[in-house]
C-alpha atoms as a PDB file:
ATOM      1  CA  MET A   1     -72.750 -77.299   9.947  1.00  0.00           C
ATOM      2  CA  ARG A   2     -72.665 -77.538  13.724  1.00  0.00           C
ATOM      3  CA  ASP A   3     -74.524 -74.299  14.412  1.00  0.00           C
ATOM      4  CA  GLU A   4     -76.858 -74.034  11.426  1.00  0.00           C
ATOM      5  CA  ILE A   5     -77.757 -77.582  10.440  1.00  0.00           C
ATOM      6  CA  ARG A   6     -77.377 -79.280  13.849  1.00  0.00           C
ATOM      7  CA  PRO A   7     -77.464 -82.853  12.521  1.00  0.00           C
ATOM      8  CA  ARG A   8     -79.615 -85.383  14.349  1.00  0.00           C
ATOM      9  CA  HIS A   9     -77.569 -88.217  12.846  1.00  0.00           C
ATOM     10  CA  LEU A  10     -74.048 -88.295  11.495  1.00  0.00           C
ATOM     11  CA  TYR A  11     -72.647 -91.222   9.574  1.00  0.00           C
ATOM     12  CA  LEU A  12     -68.859 -91.443   9.562  1.00  0.00           C
ATOM     13  CA  GLY A  13     -67.095 -92.688   6.454  1.00  0.00           C
ATOM     14  CA  HIS A  14     -64.229 -94.179   8.439  1.00  0.00           C
ATOM     15  CA  PRO A  15     -63.347 -94.635  12.107  1.00  0.00           C
ATOM     16  CA  TYR A  16     -62.534 -91.530  14.118  1.00  0.00           C
ATOM     17  CA  ARG A  17     -61.172 -91.540  17.638  1.00  0.00           C
ATOM     18  CA  ARG A  18     -61.601 -89.212  20.573  1.00  0.00           C
ATOM     19  CA  ALA A  19     -58.559 -87.523  22.146  1.00  0.00           C
ATOM     20  CA  ASP A  20     -58.305 -90.411  24.629  1.00  0.00           C
ATOM     21  CA  GLY A  21     -58.183 -92.940  21.764  1.00  0.00           C
ATOM     22  CA  THR A  22     -61.662 -94.408  22.172  1.00  0.00           C
ATOM     23  CA  PRO A  23     -63.430 -94.787  18.829  1.00  0.00           C
ATOM     24  CA  TYR A  24     -66.652 -93.114  17.786  1.00  0.00           C
ATOM     25  CA  GLY A  25     -69.290 -95.384  16.329  1.00  0.00           C
ATOM     26  CA  VAL A  26     -70.163 -95.350  12.633  1.00  0.00           C
ATOM     27  CA  GLU A  27     -73.637 -93.858  13.230  1.00  0.00           C
ATOM     28  CA  LEU A  28     -73.802 -90.987  15.715  1.00  0.00           C
ATOM     29  CA  ASN A  29     -76.824 -89.464  17.421  1.00  0.00           C
ATOM     30  CA  ALA A  30     -77.281 -85.693  17.804  1.00  0.00           C
ATOM     31  CA  GLY A  31     -75.169 -85.378  20.953  1.00  0.00           C
ATOM     32  CA  GLN A  32     -72.380 -87.520  19.563  1.00  0.00           C
ATOM     33  CA  ALA A  33     -72.479 -85.575  16.290  1.00  0.00           C
ATOM     34  CA  GLN A  34     -72.055 -82.289  18.166  1.00  0.00           C
ATOM     35  CA  GLU A  35     -69.143 -83.754  20.143  1.00  0.00           C
ATOM     36  CA  THR A  36     -67.482 -85.092  16.999  1.00  0.00           C
ATOM     37  CA  ILE A  37     -67.850 -81.835  15.066  1.00  0.00           C
ATOM     38  CA  ALA A  38     -66.513 -79.808  18.015  1.00  0.00           C
ATOM     39  CA  HIS A  39     -63.546 -82.172  18.303  1.00  0.00           C
ATOM     40  CA  SER A  40     -62.863 -81.896  14.581  1.00  0.00           C
ATOM     41  CA  LEU A  41     -62.997 -78.086  14.717  1.00  0.00           C
ATOM     42  CA  ALA A  42     -60.577 -78.050  17.656  1.00  0.00           C
ATOM     43  CA  ILE A  43     -58.105 -80.205  15.741  1.00  0.00           C
ATOM     44  CA  ASP A  44     -58.480 -77.986  12.689  1.00  0.00           C
ATOM     45  CA  GLY A  45     -57.741 -74.946  14.834  1.00  0.00           C
ATOM     46  CA  ARG A  46     -54.555 -76.506  16.229  1.00  0.00           C
ATOM     47  CA  VAL A  47     -53.374 -77.565  12.758  1.00  0.00           C
ATOM     48  CA  THR A  48     -54.079 -74.074  11.373  1.00  0.00           C
ATOM     49  CA  ALA A  49     -52.192 -72.436  14.252  1.00  0.00           C
ATOM     50  CA  ALA A  50     -49.227 -74.770  13.786  1.00  0.00           C
ATOM     51  CA  ALA A  51     -49.132 -74.150  10.035  1.00  0.00           C
ATOM     52  CA  ARG A  52     -49.133 -70.392  10.579  1.00  0.00           C
ATOM     53  CA  GLY A  53     -46.453 -70.652  13.264  1.00  0.00           C
END
């Protein structure tokens, strides 16, 4: 989704927070969407690594 679709807007179904605890808004612009997707993929990678470990 991040690399092929590159959303210009992303609407979150519930509140998400950055690593520092600050919340994302409900409607994100293109830059915020990229940041949010990258953050989500990083978390997924850590969870996957922990589950395999």
